[in-house]
C-alpha atoms as a PDB file:
ATOM      1  CA  MET A   1     -21.389 -24.008 -18.556  1.00  0.00           C
ATOM      2  CA  PHE A   2     -19.488 -23.032 -15.371  1.00  0.00           C
ATOM      3  CA  ASN A   3     -19.380 -26.279 -12.904  1.00  0.00           C
ATOM      4  CA  PHE A   4     -19.750 -25.103  -9.596  1.00  0.00           C
ATOM      5  CA  GLN A   5     -18.521 -28.635  -7.797  1.00  0.00           C
ATOM      6  CA  LYS A   6     -15.688 -29.447  -9.871  1.00  0.00           C
ATOM      7  CA  THR A   7     -14.646 -25.454  -9.328  1.00  0.00           C
ATOM      8  CA  LEU A   8     -14.632 -26.177  -5.868  1.00  0.00           C
ATOM      9  CA  LYS A   9     -13.398 -29.671  -5.700  1.00  0.00           C
ATOM     10  CA  ASP A  10     -10.045 -27.722  -8.050  1.00  0.00           C
ATOM     11  CA  ALA A  11      -9.909 -25.085  -5.194  1.00  0.00           C
ATOM     12  CA  GLY A  12      -9.837 -27.077  -2.468  1.00  0.00           C
ATOM     13  CA  THR A  13      -6.983 -29.585  -4.429  1.00  0.00           C
ATOM     14  CA  SER A  14      -4.937 -26.071  -4.642  1.00  0.00           C
ATOM     15  CA  ALA A  15      -5.689 -25.117  -1.033  1.00  0.00           C
ATOM     16  CA  TRP A  16      -4.346 -28.651   0.196  1.00  0.00           C
ATOM     17  CA  LEU A  17      -1.459 -27.736  -1.843  1.00  0.00           C
ATOM     18  CA  VAL A  18      -0.859 -24.555  -0.737  1.00  0.00           C
ATOM     19  CA  MET A  19      -0.871 -25.955   2.992  1.00  0.00           C
ATOM     20  CA  LYS A  20       1.454 -28.771   2.479  1.00  0.00           C
ATOM     21  CA  LEU A  21       3.783 -26.515   1.039  1.00  0.00           C
ATOM     22  CA  ILE A  22       3.763 -23.320   2.876  1.00  0.00           C
ATOM     23  CA  ILE A  23       3.309 -24.723   6.316  1.00  0.00           C
ATOM     24  CA  PRO A  24       6.116 -26.648   6.536  1.00  0.00           C
ATOM     25  CA  LEU A  25       8.789 -24.904   4.319  1.00  0.00           C
ATOM     26  CA  TYR A  26       7.805 -21.467   6.335  1.00  0.00           C
ATOM     27  CA  ILE A  27       8.662 -23.208   9.605  1.00  0.00           C
ATOM     28  CA  LEU A  28      11.582 -24.937   8.066  1.00  0.00           C
ATOM     29  CA  ALA A  29      12.686 -21.495   7.460  1.00  0.00           C
ATOM     30  CA  ASP A  30      12.450 -19.986  10.578  1.00  0.00           C
ATOM     31  CA  ILE A  31      14.487 -23.238  11.830  1.00  0.00           C
ATOM     32  CA  LEU A  32      17.220 -22.169   9.615  1.00  0.00           C
ATOM     33  CA  LEU A  33      17.266 -18.614  10.823  1.00  0.00           C
ATOM     34  CA  TYR A  34      17.161 -19.022  14.561  1.00  0.00           C
ATOM     35  CA  PHE A  35      20.275 -21.567  14.411  1.00  0.00           C
ATOM     36  CA  GLU A  36      21.755 -19.500  11.933  1.00  0.00           C
ATOM     37  CA  VAL A  37      21.733 -22.198   9.166  1.00  0.00           C
ATOM     38  CA  LEU A  38      21.068 -19.984   6.328  1.00  0.00           C
ATOM     39  CA  GLN A  39      22.973 -17.080   7.321  1.00  0.00           C
ATOM     40  CA  ASN A  40      25.842 -19.629   7.414  1.00  0.00           C
ATOM     41  CA  ILE A  41      25.078 -21.105   4.122  1.00  0.00           C
ATOM     42  CA  ALA A  42      23.581 -18.275   1.774  1.00  0.00           C
ATOM     43  CA  PHE A  43      27.467 -16.844   1.065  1.00  0.00           C
ATOM     44  CA  ILE A  44      27.548 -19.236  -1.581  1.00  0.00           C
ATOM     45  CA  PHE A  45      24.632 -17.580  -3.263  1.00  0.00           C
ATOM     46  CA  GLU A  46      25.926 -14.010  -2.592  1.00  0.00           C
ATOM     47  CA  PRO A  47      26.805 -13.118  -6.272  1.00  0.00           C
ATOM     48  CA  VAL A  48      23.333 -13.967  -7.305  1.00  0.00           C
ATOM     49  CA  THR A  49      21.673 -12.273  -4.671  1.00  0.00           C
ATOM     50  CA  ARG A  50      24.478  -9.177  -5.127  1.00  0.00           C
ATOM     51  CA  MET A  51      23.304  -9.030  -8.546  1.00  0.00           C
ATOM     52  CA  LEU A  52      19.512  -8.766  -7.458  1.00  0.00           C
ATOM     53  CA  ASP A  53      20.168  -6.027  -5.033  1.00  0.00           C
ATOM     54  CA  LEU A  54      18.743  -8.743  -2.012  1.00  0.00           C
ATOM     55  CA  PRO A  55      19.978 -10.446   1.208  1.00  0.00           C
ATOM     56  CA  LYS A  56      21.709 -13.486   0.550  1.00  0.00           C
ATOM     57  CA  GLU A  57      19.189 -15.335   2.639  1.00  0.00           C
ATOM     58  CA  THR A  58      16.670 -15.001  -0.156  1.00  0.00           C
ATOM     59  CA  ALA A  59      18.720 -17.359  -2.553  1.00  0.00           C
ATOM     60  CA  ILE A  60      17.357 -20.226  -0.869  1.00  0.00           C
ATOM     61  CA  GLY A  61      13.517 -19.233  -1.722  1.00  0.00           C
ATOM     62  CA  ILE A  62      14.394 -17.805  -5.042  1.00  0.00           C
ATOM     63  CA  ALA A  63      16.098 -21.650  -5.786  1.00  0.00           C
ATOM     64  CA  ALA A  64      12.941 -23.279  -4.536  1.00  0.00           C
ATOM     65  CA  GLY A  65      10.687 -21.018  -6.687  1.00  0.00           C
ATOM     66  CA  MET A  66      12.885 -21.431  -9.852  1.00  0.00           C
ATOM     67  CA  LEU A  67      13.299 -25.459  -9.597  1.00  0.00           C
ATOM     68  CA  PHE A  68       9.213 -25.774  -7.624  1.00  0.00           C
ATOM     69  CA  ASN A  69       6.883 -23.141  -7.663  1.00  0.00           C
ATOM     70  CA  LEU A  70       5.939 -19.945  -6.178  1.00  0.00           C
ATOM     71  CA  TYR A  71       4.565 -21.404  -3.129  1.00  0.00           C
ATOM     72  CA  ALA A  72       7.664 -22.736  -2.107  1.00  0.00           C
ATOM     73  CA  GLY A  73       9.801 -20.014  -2.937  1.00  0.00           C
ATOM     74  CA  ILE A  74       7.543 -17.765  -0.915  1.00  0.00           C
ATOM     75  CA  ALA A  75       6.984 -19.763   1.722  1.00  0.00           C
ATOM     76  CA  PHE A  76      11.027 -19.655   2.241  1.00  0.00           C
ATOM     77  CA  LEU A  77      10.962 -15.845   1.678  1.00  0.00           C
ATOM     78  CA  ALA A  78       8.048 -14.666   4.120  1.00  0.00           C
ATOM     79  CA  PRO A  79       9.855 -15.161   7.368  1.00  0.00           C
ATOM     80  CA  LEU A  80      12.712 -12.627   6.058  1.00  0.00           C
ATOM     81  CA  GLY A  81      10.984  -9.378   6.801  1.00  0.00           C
ATOM     82  CA  LEU A  82      11.909  -8.101   3.080  1.00  0.00           C
ATOM     83  CA  ASP A  83      10.680  -4.765   2.229  1.00  0.00           C
ATOM     84  CA  GLY A  84       8.063  -3.219  -0.738  1.00  0.00           C
ATOM     85  CA  TYR A  85      11.047  -2.676  -3.262  1.00  0.00           C
ATOM     86  CA  GLN A  86      12.372  -6.105  -2.102  1.00  0.00           C
ATOM     87  CA  TRP A  87       8.792  -8.173  -3.008  1.00  0.00           C
ATOM     88  CA  THR A  88       8.731  -6.419  -6.076  1.00  0.00           C
ATOM     89  CA  ILE A  89      12.505  -7.347  -7.396  1.00  0.00           C
ATOM     90  CA  LEU A  90      11.043 -11.172  -6.189  1.00  0.00           C
ATOM     91  CA  ALA A  91       7.941 -10.655  -7.780  1.00  0.00           C
ATOM     92  CA  MET A  92       9.727  -9.979 -11.174  1.00  0.00           C
ATOM     93  CA  PHE A  93      12.401 -12.191 -11.261  1.00  0.00           C
ATOM     94  CA  LEU A  94      10.435 -15.559 -10.135  1.00  0.00           C
ATOM     95  CA  GLY A  95       7.356 -14.411 -12.468  1.00  0.00           C
ATOM     96  CA  VAL A  96       9.636 -14.884 -15.058  1.00  0.00           C
ATOM     97  CA  ALA A  97      11.876 -17.808 -14.188  1.00  0.00           C
ATOM     98  CA  HIS A  98       9.621 -20.272 -11.814  1.00  0.00           C
ATOM     99  CA  SER A  99       8.706 -23.644 -12.331  1.00  0.00           C
ATOM    100  CA  ILE A 100      11.516 -24.071 -14.961  1.00  0.00           C
ATOM    101  CA  PRO A 101      11.520 -27.724 -15.031  1.00  0.00           C
ATOM    102  CA  ILE A 102       7.974 -28.249 -15.513  1.00  0.00           C
ATOM    103  CA  GLU A 103       7.117 -25.171 -17.648  1.00  0.00           C
ATOM    104  CA  ASN A 104       9.878 -25.578 -19.839  1.00  0.00           C
ATOM    105  CA  SER A 105       8.508 -29.171 -20.484  1.00  0.00           C
ATOM    106  CA  VAL A 106       5.475 -27.561 -21.579  1.00  0.00           C
ATOM    107  CA  MET A 107       7.223 -25.675 -23.998  1.00  0.00           C
ATOM    108  CA  LYS A 108       9.397 -28.246 -25.072  1.00  0.00           C
ATOM    109  CA  LYS A 109       5.785 -29.789 -26.525  1.00  0.00           C
ATOM    110  CA  LEU A 110       5.527 -26.973 -28.868  1.00  0.00           C
ATOM    111  CA  GLY A 111       9.190 -27.534 -30.053  1.00  0.00           C
ATOM    112  CA  ILE A 112      10.772 -25.108 -27.831  1.00  0.00           C
ATOM    113  CA  SER A 113      14.096 -26.267 -26.894  1.00  0.00           C
ATOM    114  CA  HIS A 114      15.072 -26.837 -23.449  1.00  0.00           C
ATOM    115  CA  ILE A 115      18.471 -24.368 -23.696  1.00  0.00           C
ATOM    116  CA  TYR A 116      16.088 -21.888 -25.322  1.00  0.00           C
ATOM    117  CA  SER A 117      13.932 -21.418 -22.667  1.00  0.00           C
ATOM    118  CA  PHE A 118      15.940 -21.777 -20.195  1.00  0.00           C
ATOM    119  CA  THR A 119      18.124 -19.331 -21.428  1.00  0.00           C
ATOM    120  CA  LEU A 120      15.562 -16.753 -22.271  1.00  0.00           C
ATOM    121  CA  ARG A 121      14.047 -16.656 -18.818  1.00  0.00           C
ATOM    122  CA  ILE A 122      16.718 -16.770 -16.892  1.00  0.00           C
ATOM    123  CA  SER A 123      18.436 -13.639 -18.986  1.00  0.00           C
ATOM    124  CA  VAL A 124      15.177 -11.710 -19.281  1.00  0.00           C
ATOM    125  CA  ALA A 125      14.576 -12.522 -15.610  1.00  0.00           C
ATOM    126  CA  PHE A 126      17.683 -10.153 -14.810  1.00  0.00           C
ATOM    127  CA  LEU A 127      17.280  -7.819 -17.511  1.00  0.00           C
ATOM    128  CA  ALA A 128      13.876  -7.206 -15.932  1.00  0.00           C
ATOM    129  CA  VAL A 129      15.346  -6.599 -12.199  1.00  0.00           C
ATOM    130  CA  PHE A 130      17.859  -4.265 -13.949  1.00  0.00           C
ATOM    131  CA  LEU A 131      15.150  -2.046 -15.559  1.00  0.00           C
ATOM    132  CA  MET A 132      13.746  -1.895 -12.364  1.00  0.00           C
ATOM    133  CA  GLN A 133      16.624   0.168 -11.076  1.00  0.00           C
ATOM    134  CA  PHE A 134      15.902   3.295 -13.217  1.00  0.00           C
ATOM    135  CA  LEU A 135      12.361   3.262 -11.413  1.00  0.00           C
ATOM    136  CA  PRO A 136      11.746   6.354  -8.624  1.00  0.00           C
ATOM    137  CA  GLU A 137      11.934   4.668  -4.686  1.00  0.00           C
ATOM    138  CA  SER A 138       8.499   6.664  -4.742  1.00  0.00           C
ATOM    139  CA  PHE A 139       6.993   3.600  -6.533  1.00  0.00           C
ATOM    140  CA  TYR A 140       7.372   1.272  -3.495  1.00  0.00           C
ATOM    141  CA  ASP A 141       5.135   1.260  -0.306  1.00  0.00           C
ATOM    142  CA  HIS A 142       8.843   1.635   1.682  1.00  0.00           C
ATOM    143  CA  ARG A 143      12.432   0.852   0.861  1.00  0.00           C
ATOM    144  CA  ILE A 144      15.380   0.150   3.717  1.00  0.00           C
ATOM    145  CA  VAL A 145      18.658   0.356   2.735  1.00  0.00           C
ATOM    146  CA  MET A 146      20.087  -3.422   2.096  1.00  0.00           C
ATOM    147  CA  GLN A 147      21.757  -4.650   4.733  1.00  0.00           C
ATOM    148  CA  ASP A 148      24.443  -7.890   4.398  1.00  0.00           C
ATOM    149  CA  SER A 149      21.944 -10.243   6.340  1.00  0.00           C
ATOM    150  CA  ILE A 150      18.572 -10.998   7.537  1.00  0.00           C
ATOM    151  CA  VAL A 151      18.615 -10.082  11.541  1.00  0.00           C
ATOM    152  CA  GLN A 152      15.890 -12.832  13.112  1.00  0.00           C
ATOM    153  CA  ALA A 153      13.861 -11.164  15.692  1.00  0.00           C
ATOM    154  CA  ALA A 154      15.013 -12.624  19.117  1.00  0.00           C
ATOM    155  CA  HIS A 155      13.091 -15.215  20.952  1.00  0.00           C
ATOM    156  CA  GLU A 156      13.485 -16.458  24.402  1.00  0.00           C
ATOM    157  CA  ASN A 157      13.612 -20.023  23.043  1.00  0.00           C
ATOM    158  CA  PHE A 158      13.296 -22.514  20.347  1.00  0.00           C
ATOM    159  CA  PHE A 159       9.339 -23.538  21.631  1.00  0.00           C
ATOM    160  CA  LEU A 160       8.303 -20.051  21.135  1.00  0.00           C
ATOM    161  CA  VAL A 161      10.215 -19.798  17.858  1.00  0.00           C
ATOM    162  CA  LEU A 162       7.934 -23.002  16.758  1.00  0.00           C
ATOM    163  CA  LYS A 163       5.121 -21.134  18.287  1.00  0.00           C
ATOM    164  CA  SER A 164       5.051 -18.098  16.565  1.00  0.00           C
ATOM    165  CA  SER A 165       6.274 -19.656  13.103  1.00  0.00           C
ATOM    166  CA  LEU A 166       3.328 -21.633  12.966  1.00  0.00           C
ATOM    167  CA  TYR A 167       1.322 -18.599  14.027  1.00  0.00           C
ATOM    168  CA  HIS A 168       2.611 -16.667  10.548  1.00  0.00           C
ATOM    169  CA  ALA A 169       2.574 -19.550   8.837  1.00  0.00           C
ATOM    170  CA  LEU A 170      -1.118 -20.249   8.870  1.00  0.00           C
ATOM    171  CA  GLU A 171      -2.061 -16.777   8.790  1.00  0.00           C
ATOM    172  CA  LEU A 172       0.055 -16.961   5.195  1.00  0.00           C
ATOM    173  CA  THR A 173      -1.629 -20.190   4.140  1.00  0.00           C
ATOM    174  CA  VAL A 174      -5.093 -18.449   4.810  1.00  0.00           C
ATOM    175  CA  LYS A 175      -4.054 -15.633   2.967  1.00  0.00           C
ATOM    176  CA  VAL A 176      -2.877 -17.186  -0.054  1.00  0.00           C
ATOM    177  CA  ILE A 177      -5.457 -20.189  -0.076  1.00  0.00           C
ATOM    178  CA  PHE A 178      -8.379 -16.932   0.012  1.00  0.00           C
ATOM    179  CA  LEU A 179      -6.292 -15.424  -2.747  1.00  0.00           C
ATOM    180  CA  VAL A 180      -6.169 -18.816  -4.983  1.00  0.00           C
ATOM    181  CA  THR A 181      -9.538 -19.583  -4.273  1.00  0.00           C
ATOM    182  CA  GLY A 182     -11.276 -16.522  -5.764  1.00  0.00           C
ATOM    183  CA  ILE A 183      -8.805 -16.523  -8.466  1.00  0.00           C
ATOM    184  CA  ILE A 184      -9.501 -20.207  -9.106  1.00  0.00           C
ATOM    185  CA  PHE A 185     -13.407 -19.299  -9.370  1.00  0.00           C
ATOM    186  CA  LEU A 186     -12.915 -16.323 -11.636  1.00  0.00           C
ATOM    187  CA  MET A 187     -10.917 -18.212 -14.037  1.00  0.00           C
ATOM    188  CA  ALA A 188     -13.322 -21.305 -14.310  1.00  0.00           C
ATOM    189  CA  TYR A 189     -16.096 -18.393 -14.849  1.00  0.00           C
ATOM    190  CA  VAL A 190     -13.693 -17.188 -17.861  1.00  0.00           C
ATOM    191  CA  LYS A 191     -13.366 -20.442 -19.542  1.00  0.00           C
ATOM    192  CA  SER A 192     -16.789 -21.421 -19.276  1.00  0.00           C
ATOM    193  CA  THR A 193     -18.350 -18.110 -21.073  1.00  0.00           C
ATOM    194  CA  SER A 194     -19.141 -18.213 -24.801  1.00  0.00           C
ATOM    195  CA  LEU A 195     -16.789 -16.308 -26.170  1.00  0.00           C
ATOM    196  CA  MET A 196     -14.158 -18.411 -24.544  1.00  0.00           C
ATOM    197  CA  GLN A 197     -15.523 -21.616 -25.804  1.00  0.00           C
ATOM    198  CA  ASN A 198     -16.079 -20.355 -29.211  1.00  0.00           C
ATOM    199  CA  TYR A 199     -12.479 -18.828 -29.439  1.00  0.00           C
ATOM    200  CA  GLN A 200     -10.979 -22.178 -28.812  1.00  0.00           C
ATOM    201  CA  LYS A 201     -12.206 -23.484 -31.885  1.00  0.00           C
ATOM    202  CA  ARG A 202     -10.721 -21.077 -33.595  1.00  0.00           C
ATOM    203  CA  VAL A 203      -7.240 -20.418 -31.894  1.00  0.00           C
ATOM    204  CA  ASN A 204      -5.010 -17.385 -33.477  1.00  0.00           C
ATOM    205  CA  SER A 205      -1.948 -15.594 -31.601  1.00  0.00           C
ATOM    206  CA  ALA A 206      -3.254 -12.919 -29.797  1.00  0.00           C
ATOM    207  CA  PHE A 207      -6.103 -15.541 -28.518  1.00  0.00           C
ATOM    208  CA  SER A 208      -3.477 -17.738 -27.475  1.00  0.00           C
ATOM    209  CA  ILE A 209      -1.454 -14.660 -25.559  1.00  0.00           C
ATOM    210  CA  VAL A 210      -4.418 -13.157 -24.107  1.00  0.00           C
ATOM    211  CA  VAL A 211      -5.518 -16.714 -22.494  1.00  0.00           C
ATOM    212  CA  GLY A 212      -1.755 -17.258 -21.209  1.00  0.00           C
ATOM    213  CA  LEU A 213      -1.276 -14.067 -20.034  1.00  0.00           C
ATOM    214  CA  VAL A 214      -4.859 -14.452 -17.651  1.00  0.00           C
ATOM    215  CA  LEU A 215      -4.803 -18.033 -17.273  1.00  0.00           C
ATOM    216  CA  GLY A 216      -0.930 -19.354 -17.378  1.00  0.00           C
ATOM    217  CA  ILE A 217       1.570 -20.530 -19.365  1.00  0.00           C
ATOM    218  CA  THR A 218       0.220 -24.341 -19.067  1.00  0.00           C
ATOM    219  CA  TYR A 219      -3.204 -23.559 -20.462  1.00  0.00           C
ATOM    220  CA  GLY A 220      -2.251 -21.069 -23.175  1.00  0.00           C
ATOM    221  CA  ALA A 221       0.170 -23.320 -24.437  1.00  0.00           C
ATOM    222  CA  GLY A 222      -2.174 -25.974 -24.203  1.00  0.00           C
ATOM    223  CA  ILE A 223      -4.569 -24.679 -26.661  1.00  0.00           C
ATOM    224  CA  LEU A 224      -1.914 -24.547 -28.823  1.00  0.00           C
ATOM    225  CA  LEU A 225      -0.774 -28.077 -29.169  1.00  0.00           C
ATOM    226  CA  HIS A 226      -3.296 -29.596 -31.390  1.00  0.00           C
ATOM    227  CA  GLU A 227      -2.380 -26.821 -33.920  1.00  0.00           C
ATOM    228  CA  ALA A 228       1.381 -27.203 -33.778  1.00  0.00           C
ATOM    229  CA  ARG A 229       0.403 -30.831 -34.661  1.00  0.00           C
ATOM    230  CA  THR A 230      -1.683 -30.149 -37.488  1.00  0.00           C
ATOM    231  CA  GLY A 231       0.358 -26.855 -39.000  1.00  0.00           C
ATOM    232  CA  THR A 232      -2.787 -24.337 -38.392  1.00  0.00           C
ATOM    233  CA  LEU A 233      -0.258 -21.901 -37.080  1.00  0.00           C
ATOM    234  CA  SER A 234       2.875 -21.089 -38.574  1.00  0.00           C
ATOM    235  CA  ARG A 235       6.148 -22.212 -36.960  1.00  0.00           C
ATOM    236  CA  LYS A 236       6.973 -18.604 -36.369  1.00  0.00           C
ATOM    237  CA  GLU A 237       3.474 -17.859 -34.687  1.00  0.00           C
ATOM    238  CA  ILE A 238       4.530 -20.604 -32.525  1.00  0.00           C
ATOM    239  CA  PHE A 239       7.813 -19.248 -31.603  1.00  0.00           C
ATOM    240  CA  TYR A 240       6.491 -16.113 -30.718  1.00  0.00           C
ATOM    241  CA  ILE A 241       3.509 -16.704 -28.775  1.00  0.00           C
ATOM    242  CA  ALA A 242       6.169 -19.451 -26.763  1.00  0.00           C
ATOM    243  CA  THR A 243       8.715 -16.411 -26.301  1.00  0.00           C
ATOM    244  CA  PHE A 244       5.923 -13.755 -25.026  1.00  0.00           C
ATOM    245  CA  LEU A 245       4.572 -16.298 -22.298  1.00  0.00           C
ATOM    246  CA  MET A 246       7.878 -17.434 -20.778  1.00  0.00           C
ATOM    247  CA  ILE A 247       8.251 -13.898 -20.282  1.00  0.00           C
ATOM    248  CA  CYS A 248       5.098 -12.782 -19.063  1.00  0.00           C
ATOM    249  CA  HIS A 249       1.755 -15.113 -18.096  1.00  0.00           C
ATOM    250  CA  SER A 250      -0.487 -15.798 -15.136  1.00  0.00           C
ATOM    251  CA  VAL A 251      -0.375 -11.920 -14.635  1.00  0.00           C
ATOM    252  CA  ILE A 252      -3.103 -11.882 -11.809  1.00  0.00           C
ATOM    253  CA  GLU A 253      -2.456 -15.051  -9.541  1.00  0.00           C
ATOM    254  CA  ASP A 254       1.365 -15.161  -9.762  1.00  0.00           C
ATOM    255  CA  VAL A 255       1.312 -11.200  -9.288  1.00  0.00           C
ATOM    256  CA  LEU A 256      -1.130 -11.280  -6.545  1.00  0.00           C
ATOM    257  CA  LEU A 257       1.066 -13.722  -4.436  1.00  0.00           C
ATOM    258  CA  PHE A 258       3.601 -11.181  -4.189  1.00  0.00           C
ATOM    259  CA  VAL A 259       1.593  -8.044  -4.117  1.00  0.00           C
ATOM    260  CA  ILE A 260       0.077  -9.181  -0.597  1.00  0.00           C
ATOM    261  CA  PHE A 261       3.489  -8.929   1.061  1.00  0.00           C
ATOM    262  CA  GLY A 262       4.043  -5.152  -0.644  1.00  0.00           C
ATOM    263  CA  ALA A 263       5.446  -5.659  -4.202  1.00  0.00           C
ATOM    264  CA  ASN A 264       4.019  -3.078  -6.855  1.00  0.00           C
ATOM    265  CA  GLY A 265       2.094  -5.206  -9.157  1.00  0.00           C
ATOM    266  CA  TRP A 266       1.777  -2.288 -11.767  1.00  0.00           C
ATOM    267  CA  ILE A 267       5.489  -2.243 -12.171  1.00  0.00           C
ATOM    268  CA  VAL A 268       5.894  -6.158 -12.436  1.00  0.00           C
ATOM    269  CA  VAL A 269       3.424  -6.515 -15.065  1.00  0.00           C
ATOM    270  CA  GLY A 270       4.420  -3.133 -16.912  1.00  0.00           C
ATOM    271  CA  VAL A 271       7.681  -4.581 -16.999  1.00  0.00           C
ATOM    272  CA  ARG A 272       7.194  -8.097 -18.036  1.00  0.00           C
ATOM    273  CA  LEU A 273       5.202  -6.849 -20.727  1.00  0.00           C
ATOM    274  CA  LEU A 274       6.996  -4.386 -22.205  1.00  0.00           C
ATOM    275  CA  LEU A 275       9.872  -7.252 -22.645  1.00  0.00           C
ATOM    276  CA  ALA A 276       7.470  -9.656 -23.605  1.00  0.00           C
ATOM    277  CA  PHE A 277       6.801  -7.326 -26.752  1.00  0.00           C
ATOM    278  CA  VAL A 278      10.209  -6.198 -27.452  1.00  0.00           C
ATOM    279  CA  VAL A 279      12.138 -10.047 -26.791  1.00  0.00           C
ATOM    280  CA  GLY A 280       9.677 -11.615 -28.594  1.00  0.00           C
ATOM    281  CA  TYR A 281       9.706  -9.313 -31.970  1.00  0.00           C
ATOM    282  CA  ILE A 282      13.680  -9.560 -31.609  1.00  0.00           C
ATOM    283  CA  ALA A 283      13.537 -13.304 -31.193  1.00  0.00           C
ATOM    284  CA  VAL A 284      11.244 -13.473 -34.290  1.00  0.00           C
ATOM    285  CA  LYS A 285      13.693 -11.663 -36.305  1.00  0.00           C
ATOM    286  CA  ILE A 286      16.535 -13.711 -35.353  1.00  0.00           C
ATOM    287  CA  LEU A 287      14.347 -16.975 -36.391  1.00  0.00           C
ATOM    288  CA  GLU A 288      13.220 -15.238 -39.778  1.00  0.00           C
ATOM    289  CA  TRP A 289      17.112 -14.727 -40.731  1.00  0.00           C
ATOM    290  CA  LYS A 290      18.124 -17.920 -39.745  1.00  0.00           C
ATOM    291  CA  MET A 291      15.148 -19.738 -41.766  1.00  0.00           C
END
């Protein structure tokens, strides 16, 4: 049964989390850009950002997304004035390789090693971006030639920088909160349906993948924990599901967070789905060969 009060409370908790992350980190990014701190330290990460065809200043946002969550990453990336093509790359890379410490710990409960999880997600994230290079530029809203560095808009003084940064941080926060709140209510309704409740009692590979795709890796893996302990699903099935979900999960919320900035969500979902099926199949074949 759909619980409106609980869902509203969950939405409020998420909204507070978004505010705590985006507003201070967005302002911090603007301050670092204003004093050219970000520009001066970003060279350390230049090899990685070059591989991703991104300005080196995006490295801090990428690191924040990989270590913490997408909200932290976006807070650092939003002030950089990136184009649709660059946001699509970020959506592709961070969509696969975000919140690595937390989500890899979830996978560990299913018997998937940290080394496998980390290696898989990083390698597939780079592979997904590589495949993007073969798509026509007309697929993106707009594309600007990559520059060596981000050019920060000129302000008369530091006070105006803070004022402008706070305004844009609040604007972005409102957009994200509305998006996340809508998704939370939608997902809560999906979880409350009789179809979902009935199928949760009869876990199978296809259902687990669909749940992970829509609701996220934590929920998708969570419904498998009991089956992993009792042996209802085989080791091969669990391994395939885990591999699939690490590559492609939460395709609604995570992707829409980047679509706000001009990313092509269809490309992101399409490439990740393709890689999830192909890499998952290959991984299972290798597992069978070793067994």
